[in-house]
Amino acid sequence: MEIATFGAGCFWGVEAKYRTIKGVISTEVGYLGGTLKNPTYEDVCSDKTGHAEVVQITFDPKIVKYSDLLDVFWKCHNPTTLNRQGPDIGSQYRSAIFYHSDEQKVVAEKSKLTLEEKHVYKDKIVTEITPTSTFYKAEEYHQQYLEKKGLASCHI
């Protein structure tokens, strides 16, 4: 099994999207990329901790490739808006790929470059590609939030 971690705005809809993909074993939503240890949702929403809302995905690379997960990432949000996705504003909603290996870094950078070269987006892609750091699992009520609420999707 391997792990992939993406920040693509509010983690509820992003998690729900990844949970439908064959080869995804599990998902967890949480916070990554900031400075405060053990942040709460309220801490992260203050926009002072530096954390992004992320989905951490455990997947079977024999069934689904990391590049396939990246394709979903690019399509499920707008990677050209800085610190914003739809109505959600703040650095916690930034577009981010947190890589877990040198191979993931190379694949992510190549994927981003290909999109830029093909001018898939009118505006410049602002997605950060950085090494993973400590992942803090979000509060339980955030895990599989849309499923718990009986909602099919949100704004993504």
N, C-alpha and C. Protein backbone atom coordinates (compact mmCIF):
# COMPACT_ATOMS: atom_id res chain seq x y z
N MET A 1 0.84 -1.18 0.00
CA MET A 1 0.00 0.00 0.00
C MET A 1 0.89 1.25 0.00
N GLU A 2 0.35 2.31 -0.57
CA GLU A 2 1.02 3.59 -0.59
C GLU A 2 0.07 4.67 -0.08
N ILE A 3 0.64 5.83 0.21
CA ILE A 3 -0.14 6.95 0.71
C ILE A 3 0.03 8.14 -0.23
N ALA A 4 -1.07 8.83 -0.49
CA ALA A 4 -1.05 10.09 -1.25
C ALA A 4 -1.78 11.11 -0.40
N THR A 5 -1.34 12.36 -0.45
CA THR A 5 -1.99 13.42 0.34
C THR A 5 -2.18 14.65 -0.53
N PHE A 6 -3.45 15.11 -0.58
CA PHE A 6 -3.80 16.25 -1.42
C PHE A 6 -4.63 17.26 -0.64
N GLY A 7 -4.37 18.54 -0.90
CA GLY A 7 -5.20 19.63 -0.42
C GLY A 7 -5.88 20.26 -1.62
N ALA A 8 -7.20 20.24 -1.64
CA ALA A 8 -7.93 20.76 -2.79
C ALA A 8 -9.17 21.51 -2.33
N GLY A 9 -9.01 22.31 -1.29
CA GLY A 9 -10.15 23.03 -0.74
C GLY A 9 -10.74 22.25 0.42
N CYS A 10 -12.00 22.47 0.68
CA CYS A 10 -12.70 21.80 1.77
C CYS A 10 -12.56 20.29 1.61
N PHE A 11 -12.11 19.63 2.66
CA PHE A 11 -11.79 18.21 2.53
C PHE A 11 -12.99 17.29 2.44
N TRP A 12 -14.19 17.74 2.76
CA TRP A 12 -15.36 16.85 2.75
C TRP A 12 -15.65 16.30 1.36
N GLY A 13 -15.77 17.16 0.38
CA GLY A 13 -16.09 16.72 -0.97
C GLY A 13 -14.94 15.99 -1.63
N VAL A 14 -13.73 16.43 -1.34
CA VAL A 14 -12.55 15.79 -1.93
C VAL A 14 -12.44 14.35 -1.42
N GLU A 15 -12.65 14.17 -0.12
CA GLU A 15 -12.61 12.81 0.44
C GLU A 15 -13.68 11.94 -0.21
N ALA A 16 -14.89 12.46 -0.33
CA ALA A 16 -15.99 11.68 -0.92
C ALA A 16 -15.64 11.24 -2.34
N LYS A 17 -15.01 12.12 -3.10
CA LYS A 17 -14.63 11.80 -4.48
C LYS A 17 -13.62 10.64 -4.50
N TYR A 18 -12.60 10.71 -3.66
CA TYR A 18 -11.58 9.66 -3.66
C TYR A 18 -12.11 8.33 -3.15
N ARG A 19 -13.09 8.35 -2.29
CA ARG A 19 -13.64 7.11 -1.74
C ARG A 19 -14.34 6.26 -2.79
N THR A 20 -14.66 6.86 -3.95
CA THR A 20 -15.36 6.13 -5.01
C THR A 20 -14.40 5.43 -5.97
N ILE A 21 -13.12 5.64 -5.80
CA ILE A 21 -12.14 5.12 -6.77
C ILE A 21 -11.68 3.72 -6.39
N LYS A 22 -11.78 2.83 -7.35
CA LYS A 22 -11.32 1.45 -7.15
C LYS A 22 -9.82 1.49 -6.89
N GLY A 23 -9.39 0.79 -5.85
CA GLY A 23 -7.99 0.77 -5.47
C GLY A 23 -7.67 1.67 -4.29
N VAL A 24 -8.60 2.58 -3.97
CA VAL A 24 -8.44 3.39 -2.75
C VAL A 24 -8.93 2.53 -1.59
N ILE A 25 -8.03 2.28 -0.67
CA ILE A 25 -8.33 1.40 0.46
C ILE A 25 -9.01 2.17 1.58
N SER A 26 -8.49 3.37 1.87
CA SER A 26 -9.09 4.19 2.93
C SER A 26 -8.72 5.65 2.72
N THR A 27 -9.48 6.50 3.38
CA THR A 27 -9.20 7.93 3.36
C THR A 27 -9.33 8.48 4.78
N GLU A 28 -8.59 9.52 5.04
CA GLU A 28 -8.73 10.27 6.29
C GLU A 28 -8.57 11.74 5.94
N VAL A 29 -9.37 12.57 6.56
CA VAL A 29 -9.18 14.01 6.38
C VAL A 29 -8.42 14.56 7.58
N GLY A 30 -7.66 15.60 7.31
CA GLY A 30 -6.87 16.18 8.38
C GLY A 30 -6.17 17.45 7.94
N TYR A 31 -5.13 17.75 8.69
CA TYR A 31 -4.41 19.02 8.52
C TYR A 31 -2.93 18.72 8.33
N LEU A 32 -2.30 19.45 7.41
CA LEU A 32 -0.89 19.21 7.11
C LEU A 32 -0.27 20.50 6.60
N GLY A 33 1.01 20.64 6.85
CA GLY A 33 1.76 21.76 6.28
C GLY A 33 1.86 22.99 7.16
N GLY A 34 1.45 22.90 8.40
CA GLY A 34 1.50 24.07 9.26
C GLY A 34 2.52 23.95 10.37
N THR A 35 2.46 24.89 11.30
CA THR A 35 3.46 24.96 12.36
C THR A 35 2.95 24.54 13.74
N LEU A 36 1.66 24.60 13.98
CA LEU A 36 1.10 24.29 15.29
C LEU A 36 0.94 22.78 15.45
N LYS A 37 1.42 22.24 16.56
CA LYS A 37 1.23 20.82 16.84
C LYS A 37 -0.20 20.57 17.28
N ASN A 38 -0.76 19.45 16.80
CA ASN A 38 -2.10 19.01 17.19
C ASN A 38 -3.16 20.10 17.01
N PRO A 39 -3.25 20.69 15.81
CA PRO A 39 -4.23 21.74 15.60
C PRO A 39 -5.66 21.20 15.61
N THR A 40 -6.57 22.02 16.02
CA THR A 40 -8.00 21.71 15.93
C THR A 40 -8.55 22.38 14.67
N TYR A 41 -9.77 22.04 14.34
CA TYR A 41 -10.42 22.66 13.20
C TYR A 41 -10.49 24.18 13.40
N GLU A 42 -10.80 24.59 14.59
CA GLU A 42 -10.88 26.02 14.90
C GLU A 42 -9.53 26.70 14.72
N ASP A 43 -8.45 26.03 15.15
CA ASP A 43 -7.10 26.57 14.96
C ASP A 43 -6.81 26.78 13.48
N VAL A 44 -7.09 25.74 12.69
CA VAL A 44 -6.79 25.80 11.26
C VAL A 44 -7.63 26.87 10.58
N CYS A 45 -8.89 26.99 10.98
CA CYS A 45 -9.79 28.00 10.38
C CYS A 45 -9.39 29.43 10.75
N SER A 46 -8.54 29.59 11.75
CA SER A 46 -8.07 30.93 12.11
C SER A 46 -7.15 31.50 11.04
N ASP A 47 -6.67 30.63 10.16
CA ASP A 47 -5.75 31.00 9.08
C ASP A 47 -4.40 31.47 9.63
N LYS A 48 -4.07 31.01 10.85
CA LYS A 48 -2.81 31.42 11.46
C LYS A 48 -1.83 30.26 11.67
N THR A 49 -2.26 29.02 11.41
CA THR A 49 -1.40 27.87 11.69
C THR A 49 -0.58 27.42 10.49
N GLY A 50 -1.01 27.81 9.28
CA GLY A 50 -0.31 27.40 8.07
C GLY A 50 -0.73 26.04 7.54
N HIS A 51 -1.67 25.37 8.21
CA HIS A 51 -2.10 24.06 7.76
C HIS A 51 -3.07 24.16 6.58
N ALA A 52 -3.05 23.13 5.76
CA ALA A 52 -4.05 22.96 4.70
C ALA A 52 -5.00 21.86 5.13
N GLU A 53 -6.25 21.98 4.72
CA GLU A 53 -7.18 20.86 4.86
C GLU A 53 -6.79 19.85 3.78
N VAL A 54 -6.54 18.61 4.18
CA VAL A 54 -6.07 17.61 3.22
C VAL A 54 -6.84 16.30 3.36
N VAL A 55 -6.71 15.51 2.32
CA VAL A 55 -7.20 14.13 2.35
C VAL A 55 -5.98 13.25 2.20
N GLN A 56 -5.82 12.34 3.14
CA GLN A 56 -4.74 11.36 3.07
C GLN A 56 -5.35 10.05 2.60
N ILE A 57 -4.81 9.52 1.52
CA ILE A 57 -5.38 8.38 0.83
C ILE A 57 -4.43 7.20 0.90
N THR A 58 -4.92 6.08 1.38
CA THR A 58 -4.16 4.83 1.31
C THR A 58 -4.68 4.09 0.09
N PHE A 59 -3.78 3.73 -0.81
CA PHE A 59 -4.21 3.10 -2.05
C PHE A 59 -3.30 1.93 -2.43
N ASP A 60 -3.85 1.05 -3.25
CA ASP A 60 -3.12 -0.11 -3.75
C ASP A 60 -2.60 0.25 -5.15
N PRO A 61 -1.28 0.45 -5.29
CA PRO A 61 -0.73 0.86 -6.58
C PRO A 61 -0.85 -0.22 -7.66
N LYS A 62 -1.22 -1.43 -7.28
CA LYS A 62 -1.45 -2.48 -8.27
C LYS A 62 -2.82 -2.29 -8.94
N ILE A 63 -3.68 -1.52 -8.29
CA ILE A 63 -5.03 -1.30 -8.81
C ILE A 63 -5.19 0.10 -9.37
N VAL A 64 -4.67 1.09 -8.66
CA VAL A 64 -4.78 2.48 -9.11
C VAL A 64 -3.40 3.15 -8.98
N LYS A 65 -3.01 3.84 -10.03
CA LYS A 65 -1.70 4.49 -10.03
C LYS A 65 -1.79 5.87 -9.37
N TYR A 66 -0.67 6.30 -8.84
CA TYR A 66 -0.58 7.64 -8.25
C TYR A 66 -0.96 8.69 -9.30
N SER A 67 -0.54 8.49 -10.53
CA SER A 67 -0.87 9.45 -11.59
C SER A 67 -2.38 9.53 -11.81
N ASP A 68 -3.10 8.43 -11.61
CA ASP A 68 -4.56 8.45 -11.72
C ASP A 68 -5.18 9.28 -10.59
N LEU A 69 -4.61 9.16 -9.40
CA LEU A 69 -5.09 9.96 -8.27
C LEU A 69 -4.83 11.45 -8.52
N LEU A 70 -3.70 11.74 -9.15
CA LEU A 70 -3.40 13.13 -9.52
C LEU A 70 -4.41 13.66 -10.53
N ASP A 71 -4.80 12.83 -11.49
CA ASP A 71 -5.80 13.27 -12.47
C ASP A 71 -7.09 13.69 -11.77
N VAL A 72 -7.51 12.94 -10.77
CA VAL A 72 -8.70 13.28 -10.00
C VAL A 72 -8.47 14.60 -9.25
N PHE A 73 -7.31 14.73 -8.66
CA PHE A 73 -6.95 15.95 -7.93
C PHE A 73 -7.13 17.18 -8.81
N TRP A 74 -6.55 17.15 -10.01
CA TRP A 74 -6.61 18.32 -10.89
C TRP A 74 -8.05 18.64 -11.30
N LYS A 75 -8.87 17.61 -11.44
CA LYS A 75 -10.24 17.81 -11.93
C LYS A 75 -11.25 18.18 -10.85
N CYS A 76 -10.92 17.92 -9.58
CA CYS A 76 -11.92 18.12 -8.52
C CYS A 76 -11.83 19.49 -7.84
N HIS A 77 -10.96 20.35 -8.35
CA HIS A 77 -10.87 21.70 -7.78
C HIS A 77 -10.24 22.64 -8.81
N ASN A 78 -10.16 23.90 -8.45
CA ASN A 78 -9.55 24.89 -9.33
C ASN A 78 -8.14 25.17 -8.81
N PRO A 79 -7.11 24.65 -9.50
CA PRO A 79 -5.74 24.83 -9.03
C PRO A 79 -5.14 26.19 -9.36
N THR A 80 -5.97 27.10 -9.86
CA THR A 80 -5.46 28.43 -10.22
C THR A 80 -5.87 29.51 -9.24
N THR A 81 -6.63 29.17 -8.22
CA THR A 81 -7.04 30.17 -7.24
C THR A 81 -6.20 30.02 -5.98
N LEU A 82 -5.56 31.09 -5.58
CA LEU A 82 -4.67 31.07 -4.43
C LEU A 82 -5.48 31.17 -3.13
N ASN A 83 -5.30 30.18 -2.27
CA ASN A 83 -5.94 30.18 -0.95
C ASN A 83 -7.46 30.33 -1.03
N ARG A 84 -8.02 29.61 -1.98
CA ARG A 84 -9.47 29.71 -2.15
C ARG A 84 -9.97 28.57 -3.02
N GLN A 85 -11.15 28.06 -2.67
CA GLN A 85 -11.89 27.14 -3.51
C GLN A 85 -13.36 27.50 -3.37
N GLY A 86 -13.94 27.96 -4.46
CA GLY A 86 -15.34 28.37 -4.42
C GLY A 86 -15.56 29.40 -3.33
N PRO A 87 -16.55 29.14 -2.46
CA PRO A 87 -16.85 30.11 -1.41
C PRO A 87 -15.89 30.06 -0.22
N ASP A 88 -15.01 29.08 -0.21
CA ASP A 88 -14.09 28.89 0.93
C ASP A 88 -12.81 29.68 0.70
N ILE A 89 -12.51 30.59 1.63
CA ILE A 89 -11.34 31.45 1.50
C ILE A 89 -10.43 31.30 2.71
N GLY A 90 -9.13 31.18 2.46
CA GLY A 90 -8.13 31.06 3.51
C GLY A 90 -7.05 30.09 3.07
N SER A 91 -5.87 30.21 3.66
CA SER A 91 -4.75 29.36 3.25
C SER A 91 -5.01 27.88 3.50
N GLN A 92 -5.94 27.55 4.40
CA GLN A 92 -6.26 26.14 4.66
C GLN A 92 -6.94 25.49 3.45
N TYR A 93 -7.44 26.31 2.51
CA TYR A 93 -8.11 25.79 1.32
C TYR A 93 -7.22 25.80 0.09
N ARG A 94 -5.93 25.97 0.29
CA ARG A 94 -5.01 26.08 -0.84
C ARG A 94 -4.90 24.75 -1.60
N SER A 95 -4.44 24.87 -2.82
CA SER A 95 -4.20 23.71 -3.67
C SER A 95 -2.79 23.21 -3.38
N ALA A 96 -2.70 21.95 -2.92
CA ALA A 96 -1.40 21.44 -2.50
C ALA A 96 -1.29 19.93 -2.72
N ILE A 97 -0.11 19.54 -3.16
CA ILE A 97 0.24 18.13 -3.26
C ILE A 97 1.39 17.91 -2.29
N PHE A 98 1.18 17.02 -1.35
CA PHE A 98 2.23 16.68 -0.37
C PHE A 98 2.76 15.30 -0.75
N TYR A 99 3.98 15.27 -1.26
CA TYR A 99 4.51 13.99 -1.74
C TYR A 99 5.19 13.21 -0.62
N HIS A 100 5.12 11.87 -0.77
CA HIS A 100 5.66 10.94 0.23
C HIS A 100 6.93 10.25 -0.23
N SER A 101 7.34 10.49 -1.47
CA SER A 101 8.56 9.87 -2.00
C SER A 101 9.09 10.73 -3.14
N ASP A 102 10.33 10.49 -3.51
CA ASP A 102 10.90 11.21 -4.65
C ASP A 102 10.13 10.88 -5.92
N GLU A 103 9.68 9.65 -6.04
CA GLU A 103 8.90 9.25 -7.21
C GLU A 103 7.59 10.05 -7.30
N GLN A 104 6.90 10.19 -6.19
CA GLN A 104 5.66 10.98 -6.20
C GLN A 104 5.96 12.43 -6.58
N LYS A 105 7.06 12.97 -6.09
CA LYS A 105 7.43 14.35 -6.41
C LYS A 105 7.60 14.51 -7.92
N VAL A 106 8.33 13.60 -8.53
CA VAL A 106 8.60 13.66 -9.97
C VAL A 106 7.29 13.55 -10.76
N VAL A 107 6.44 12.61 -10.38
CA VAL A 107 5.18 12.40 -11.09
C VAL A 107 4.28 13.63 -10.94
N ALA A 108 4.22 14.20 -9.74
CA ALA A 108 3.39 15.38 -9.50
C ALA A 108 3.90 16.58 -10.29
N GLU A 109 5.20 16.81 -10.27
CA GLU A 109 5.76 17.95 -11.01
C GLU A 109 5.54 17.79 -12.51
N LYS A 110 5.71 16.58 -13.01
CA LYS A 110 5.49 16.33 -14.44
C LYS A 110 4.02 16.55 -14.80
N SER A 111 3.14 16.10 -13.95
CA SER A 111 1.71 16.27 -14.17
C SER A 111 1.35 17.75 -14.25
N LYS A 112 1.85 18.53 -13.32
CA LYS A 112 1.59 19.98 -13.30
C LYS A 112 2.16 20.65 -14.55
N LEU A 113 3.38 20.30 -14.90
CA LEU A 113 4.03 20.88 -16.08
C LEU A 113 3.26 20.56 -17.35
N THR A 114 2.79 19.33 -17.47
CA THR A 114 2.01 18.94 -18.64
C THR A 114 0.75 19.80 -18.77
N LEU A 115 0.05 20.02 -17.66
CA LEU A 115 -1.15 20.85 -17.69
C LEU A 115 -0.81 22.28 -18.09
N GLU A 116 0.31 22.79 -17.58
CA GLU A 116 0.73 24.15 -17.93
C GLU A 116 1.09 24.26 -19.41
N GLU A 117 1.83 23.27 -19.91
CA GLU A 117 2.25 23.30 -21.31
C GLU A 117 1.07 23.18 -22.26
N LYS A 118 0.04 22.44 -21.86
CA LYS A 118 -1.15 22.27 -22.70
C LYS A 118 -2.16 23.40 -22.50
N HIS A 119 -1.85 24.31 -21.59
CA HIS A 119 -2.75 25.44 -21.28
C HIS A 119 -4.17 24.97 -20.96
N VAL A 120 -4.24 23.93 -20.13
CA VAL A 120 -5.53 23.37 -19.72
C VAL A 120 -6.33 24.41 -18.94
N TYR A 121 -5.64 25.22 -18.16
CA TYR A 121 -6.29 26.27 -17.38
C TYR A 121 -5.91 27.63 -17.95
N LYS A 122 -6.87 28.52 -17.98
CA LYS A 122 -6.63 29.87 -18.51
C LYS A 122 -5.60 30.61 -17.66
N ASP A 123 -5.71 30.45 -16.34
CA ASP A 123 -4.82 31.14 -15.42
C ASP A 123 -3.68 30.22 -14.96
N LYS A 124 -2.68 30.82 -14.35
CA LYS A 124 -1.51 30.09 -13.86
C LYS A 124 -1.89 29.13 -12.73
N ILE A 125 -1.34 27.94 -12.76
CA ILE A 125 -1.55 26.96 -11.69
C ILE A 125 -0.73 27.38 -10.48
N VAL A 126 -1.37 27.49 -9.33
CA VAL A 126 -0.69 27.93 -8.11
C VAL A 126 -0.47 26.78 -7.11
N THR A 127 -0.76 25.58 -7.52
CA THR A 127 -0.63 24.41 -6.65
C THR A 127 0.80 24.27 -6.13
N GLU A 128 0.93 24.12 -4.81
CA GLU A 128 2.25 23.86 -4.24
C GLU A 128 2.52 22.37 -4.24
N ILE A 129 3.76 22.00 -4.49
CA ILE A 129 4.18 20.60 -4.43
C ILE A 129 5.32 20.56 -3.42
N THR A 130 5.03 19.99 -2.24
CA THR A 130 5.99 20.02 -1.15
C THR A 130 6.05 18.66 -0.46
N PRO A 131 7.15 18.40 0.23
CA PRO A 131 7.23 17.12 0.96
C PRO A 131 6.20 17.09 2.08
N THR A 132 5.75 15.90 2.36
CA THR A 132 4.79 15.74 3.45
C THR A 132 5.46 16.07 4.77
N SER A 133 4.66 16.41 5.72
CA SER A 133 5.13 16.65 7.08
C SER A 133 4.15 15.92 8.00
N THR A 134 4.07 16.32 9.23
CA THR A 134 3.20 15.62 10.17
C THR A 134 1.73 15.83 9.79
N PHE A 135 1.03 14.73 9.61
CA PHE A 135 -0.40 14.73 9.32
C PHE A 135 -1.15 14.64 10.63
N TYR A 136 -2.08 15.56 10.82
CA TYR A 136 -2.92 15.54 12.01
C TYR A 136 -4.34 15.19 11.58
N LYS A 137 -4.82 14.08 12.03
CA LYS A 137 -6.17 13.64 11.68
C LYS A 137 -7.19 14.64 12.22
N ALA A 138 -8.14 15.01 11.38
CA ALA A 138 -9.19 15.93 11.80
C ALA A 138 -10.14 15.23 12.76
N GLU A 139 -10.92 16.03 13.44
CA GLU A 139 -11.89 15.53 14.39
C GLU A 139 -12.81 14.50 13.71
N GLU A 140 -13.30 13.57 14.51
CA GLU A 140 -14.08 12.45 13.97
C GLU A 140 -15.29 12.90 13.16
N TYR A 141 -15.93 13.98 13.57
CA TYR A 141 -17.13 14.40 12.84
C TYR A 141 -16.82 14.84 11.42
N HIS A 142 -15.56 15.13 11.10
CA HIS A 142 -15.17 15.50 9.73
C HIS A 142 -14.93 14.27 8.85
N GLN A 143 -14.64 13.12 9.45
CA GLN A 143 -14.34 11.92 8.67
C GLN A 143 -15.61 11.45 7.96
N GLN A 144 -15.51 11.27 6.64
CA GLN A 144 -16.64 10.82 5.82
C GLN A 144 -17.88 11.66 6.10
N TYR A 145 -17.68 12.95 6.23
CA TYR A 145 -18.73 13.89 6.62
C TYR A 145 -19.96 13.81 5.73
N LEU A 146 -19.76 13.83 4.42
CA LEU A 146 -20.91 13.84 3.52
C LEU A 146 -21.71 12.55 3.63
N GLU A 147 -21.02 11.42 3.77
CA GLU A 147 -21.72 10.14 3.95
C GLU A 147 -22.54 10.15 5.24
N LYS A 148 -21.95 10.66 6.30
CA LYS A 148 -22.66 10.71 7.58
C LYS A 148 -23.90 11.58 7.51
N LYS A 149 -23.84 12.64 6.69
CA LYS A 149 -24.96 13.57 6.56
C LYS A 149 -25.93 13.16 5.47
N GLY A 150 -25.63 12.06 4.78
CA GLY A 150 -26.52 11.59 3.71
C GLY A 150 -26.50 12.48 2.49
N LEU A 151 -25.39 13.17 2.26
CA LEU A 151 -25.25 14.07 1.13
C LEU A 151 -24.42 13.40 0.04
N ALA A 152 -24.79 13.60 -1.18
CA ALA A 152 -24.07 12.97 -2.30
C ALA A 152 -22.79 13.73 -2.64
N SER A 153 -22.83 15.06 -2.50
CA SER A 153 -21.66 15.86 -2.83
C SER A 153 -21.81 17.24 -2.24
N CYS A 154 -20.76 18.02 -2.43
CA CYS A 154 -20.83 19.44 -2.07
C CYS A 154 -20.46 20.22 -3.32
N HIS A 155 -19.83 21.35 -3.18
CA HIS A 155 -19.61 22.24 -4.34
C HIS A 155 -18.53 21.80 -5.32
N ILE A 156 -17.79 20.73 -5.05
CA ILE A 156 -16.72 20.37 -6.01
C ILE A 156 -17.30 19.73 -7.25
